[in-house]
N, C-alpha and C. Protein backbone atom coordinates (compact mmCIF):
# COMPACT_ATOMS: atom_id res chain seq x y z
N MET A 1 0.66 -1.64 0.50
CA MET A 1 0.17 0.16 -0.29
C MET A 1 0.73 1.32 0.03
N VAL A 2 0.83 2.49 -1.07
CA VAL A 2 1.62 2.95 -1.35
C VAL A 2 1.00 4.79 -0.11
N THR A 3 1.19 4.44 0.98
CA THR A 3 0.41 6.05 1.41
C THR A 3 1.65 7.38 0.85
N VAL A 4 1.36 8.70 1.31
CA VAL A 4 2.01 10.38 1.21
C VAL A 4 0.76 11.13 2.54
N SER A 5 1.30 11.65 3.09
CA SER A 5 1.11 12.25 3.61
C SER A 5 1.45 13.87 2.89
N VAL A 6 -0.01 14.42 3.55
CA VAL A 6 -0.30 16.14 2.38
C VAL A 6 0.57 16.97 3.77
N ARG A 7 1.63 17.93 3.17
CA ARG A 7 1.79 18.68 4.90
C ARG A 7 1.94 20.20 3.98
N ASP A 8 1.32 21.40 5.53
CA ASP A 8 1.08 22.38 4.40
C ASP A 8 0.04 22.43 3.61
N ASN A 9 -0.96 21.79 3.36
CA ASN A 9 -2.08 21.54 2.04
C ASN A 9 -1.05 21.70 0.71
N ASN A 10 0.18 21.43 0.83
CA ASN A 10 0.62 21.31 -0.27
C ASN A 10 0.59 19.87 -0.69
N VAL A 11 -0.63 19.90 -2.18
CA VAL A 11 -0.77 18.35 -2.36
C VAL A 11 0.29 18.68 -3.51
N ASP A 12 0.66 19.36 -4.34
CA ASP A 12 0.89 19.05 -5.17
C ASP A 12 2.02 18.42 -5.20
N GLN A 13 2.84 18.60 -3.57
CA GLN A 13 3.79 17.32 -4.14
C GLN A 13 3.77 17.24 -3.17
N ALA A 14 2.79 16.47 -2.66
CA ALA A 14 2.24 14.93 -2.11
C ALA A 14 1.99 14.34 -3.56
N LEU A 15 1.59 15.38 -4.33
CA LEU A 15 1.06 14.42 -5.82
C LEU A 15 2.42 14.18 -6.55
N ARG A 16 3.55 15.30 -6.26
CA ARG A 16 5.12 14.43 -7.30
C ARG A 16 5.97 13.10 -5.99
N VAL A 17 4.81 13.25 -5.79
CA VAL A 17 5.96 12.36 -4.64
C VAL A 17 4.87 10.49 -4.54
N LEU A 18 3.58 11.15 -5.12
CA LEU A 18 2.13 10.12 -5.24
C LEU A 18 3.12 9.32 -6.71
N LYS A 19 3.67 10.31 -7.55
CA LYS A 19 3.24 9.68 -8.71
C LYS A 19 4.90 8.38 -8.57
N LYS A 20 5.84 9.82 -8.08
CA LYS A 20 7.68 8.77 -7.49
C LYS A 20 6.96 7.90 -7.57
N LYS A 21 6.64 6.79 -5.90
CA LYS A 21 6.66 6.26 -5.66
C LYS A 21 5.83 4.51 -5.90
N MET A 22 4.35 5.03 -6.55
CA MET A 22 4.16 4.64 -7.79
C MET A 22 5.02 3.97 -8.75
N GLN A 23 6.02 5.32 -9.39
CA GLN A 23 6.36 4.16 -10.65
C GLN A 23 7.86 3.94 -9.96
N ARG A 24 8.03 4.17 -9.09
CA ARG A 24 9.20 2.65 -8.52
C ARG A 24 8.69 1.61 -7.55
N GLU A 25 7.14 0.87 -7.31
CA GLU A 25 6.65 0.07 -7.52
C GLU A 25 6.21 -1.29 -8.65
N GLY A 26 5.67 0.09 -9.86
CA GLY A 26 5.39 -0.74 -11.03
C GLY A 26 4.22 -0.71 -11.30
N ILE A 27 3.47 0.31 -10.42
CA ILE A 27 1.82 -0.21 -10.54
C ILE A 27 2.20 1.01 -11.83
N PHE A 28 2.21 1.65 -12.55
CA PHE A 28 2.02 2.68 -13.35
C PHE A 28 2.16 0.94 -14.90
N ARG A 29 3.25 -0.05 -14.78
CA ARG A 29 3.53 -0.35 -16.04
C ARG A 29 2.17 -2.33 -16.05
N GLU A 30 2.03 -1.81 -14.41
CA GLU A 30 0.86 -3.37 -14.51
C GLU A 30 -0.20 -2.49 -15.14
N MET A 31 -0.47 -1.29 -14.80
CA MET A 31 -1.77 -0.62 -15.09
C MET A 31 -2.57 -1.23 -16.89
N LYS A 32 -0.61 -0.48 -17.57
CA LYS A 32 -0.73 -0.51 -19.00
C LYS A 32 -1.41 -1.83 -19.05
N MET A 33 0.05 -3.09 -18.38
CA MET A 33 -0.57 -3.96 -19.09
C MET A 33 -1.85 -4.79 -18.91
N ARG A 34 -2.18 -4.16 -17.80
CA ARG A 34 -3.79 -4.87 -18.02
C ARG A 34 -4.41 -4.10 -18.47
N ARG A 35 -4.41 -2.86 -19.50
CA ARG A 35 -5.09 -2.44 -19.20
C ARG A 35 -6.20 -3.21 -21.15
N ASP A 36 -5.77 -3.89 -21.52
CA ASP A 36 -6.34 -5.23 -22.44
C ASP A 36 -5.29 -6.70 -22.66
N PHE A 37 -6.33 -7.15 -23.02
CA PHE A 37 -6.01 -8.62 -23.02
C PHE A 37 -4.93 -9.25 -23.58
N GLU A 38 -3.93 -10.31 -22.50
CA GLU A 38 -3.14 -10.07 -22.64
C GLU A 38 -3.16 -11.63 -23.10
N LYS A 39 -3.01 -12.76 -24.49
CA LYS A 39 -2.88 -14.15 -25.49
C LYS A 39 -1.81 -14.73 -23.99
N PRO A 40 -1.94 -15.71 -23.34
CA PRO A 40 -1.46 -16.81 -22.64
C PRO A 40 0.34 -16.94 -22.83
N SER A 41 -0.33 -16.97 -25.08
CA SER A 41 1.29 -17.33 -25.55
C SER A 41 2.24 -15.95 -25.60
N GLU A 42 1.60 -14.96 -25.45
CA GLU A 42 1.68 -13.54 -25.32
C GLU A 42 2.77 -12.80 -24.26
N LYS A 43 1.96 -13.44 -22.88
CA LYS A 43 2.51 -13.20 -21.19
C LYS A 43 3.70 -14.04 -21.59
N LYS A 44 4.27 -15.76 -22.01
CA LYS A 44 5.40 -16.02 -21.83
C LYS A 44 5.97 -16.08 -22.63
N LYS A 45 5.80 -14.92 -23.47
CA LYS A 45 6.95 -14.45 -24.70
C LYS A 45 7.70 -13.44 -23.73
N ARG A 46 7.11 -12.07 -23.42
CA ARG A 46 7.08 -11.53 -22.50
C ARG A 46 8.01 -11.92 -21.26
N GLU A 47 6.98 -12.83 -20.37
CA GLU A 47 8.41 -13.39 -18.90
C GLU A 47 9.33 -13.67 -19.26
N LYS A 48 9.10 -14.46 -20.74
CA LYS A 48 10.93 -14.65 -21.16
C LYS A 48 11.68 -13.16 -21.41
N ALA A 49 11.68 -13.24 -22.11
CA ALA A 49 11.86 -11.65 -22.74
C ALA A 49 12.45 -11.70 -21.13
N GLU A 50 12.01 -10.65 -20.35
CA GLU A 50 12.07 -9.60 -19.51
C GLU A 50 13.05 -10.68 -18.62
N SER A 51 13.42 -11.82 -18.40
CA SER A 51 14.02 -13.09 -17.99
C SER A 51 15.43 -12.09 -18.37
N VAL A 52 15.53 -12.69 -19.56
CA VAL A 52 16.91 -12.65 -20.33
C VAL A 52 17.49 -11.00 -19.85
N ARG A 53 16.69 -10.66 -20.09
CA ARG A 53 17.19 -9.14 -20.25
C ARG A 53 17.64 -8.69 -18.76
N ARG A 54 17.02 -9.05 -17.66
CA ARG A 54 17.72 -9.20 -16.09
C ARG A 54 18.78 -10.24 -16.18
N SER A 55 18.56 -11.13 -16.99
CA SER A 55 19.93 -11.86 -16.45
C SER A 55 20.89 -10.78 -17.74
N ARG A 56 21.38 -10.53 -18.87
CA ARG A 56 22.18 -9.78 -19.78
C ARG A 56 22.52 -8.69 -18.62
N LYS A 57 21.71 -8.35 -17.70
CA LYS A 57 21.54 -6.63 -16.92
C LYS A 57 22.90 -7.34 -16.06
N MET A 58 21.92 -8.53 -15.21
CA MET A 58 22.90 -8.87 -14.09
C MET A 58 24.86 -9.98 -14.33
N ASP A 59 24.78 -9.92 -15.91
CA ASP A 59 26.16 -10.17 -16.36
C ASP A 59 26.70 -8.98 -15.85
N ARG A 60 25.73 -8.22 -16.56
CA ARG A 60 27.17 -6.68 -16.93
C ARG A 60 26.96 -5.67 -16.13
N LYS A 61 27.08 -6.55 -15.01
CA LYS A 61 26.60 -5.30 -13.29
C LYS A 61 27.69 -6.40 -13.29
N ARG A 62 28.11 -7.69 -12.83
CA ARG A 62 29.16 -8.48 -12.66
C ARG A 62 30.45 -8.70 -12.71
N LYS A 63 30.68 -8.30 -14.51
CA LYS A 63 31.29 -8.50 -15.31
C LYS A 63 32.36 -7.14 -15.25
N GLU A 64 31.43 -5.68 -14.91
CA GLU A 64 31.99 -4.29 -14.74
C GLU A 64 31.91 -4.53 -13.14
N ARG A 65 31.59 -4.90 -11.43
CA ARG A 65 32.72 -5.14 -10.78
C ARG A 65 33.49 -5.80 -10.46
N ASP A 66 33.55 -6.95 -11.20
CA ASP A 66 35.12 -7.81 -11.70
C ASP A 66 35.93 -6.81 -12.40
N GLY A 67 35.49 -6.32 -13.00
CA GLY A 67 36.75 -5.24 -13.48
C GLY A 67 37.14 -6.24 -15.12
N PHE A 68 36.09 -6.38 -15.95
CA PHE A 68 36.58 -6.92 -16.79
C PHE A 68 35.97 -6.02 -17.67
């Protein structure tokens, strides 16, 4: 659950904080994905691509950390 407190009636600042928190949590991405129906085959393909992307990123970071 994302909560934001409004201080001194500063709603604009609270709204910015809320949007930033939602972005970090991935709520916007999830809302976009749920907007339309996704076929099971497309979901499987997307999840596989995300997994490959994550593993490549981890390999890149590992190599950078080890000095390659």
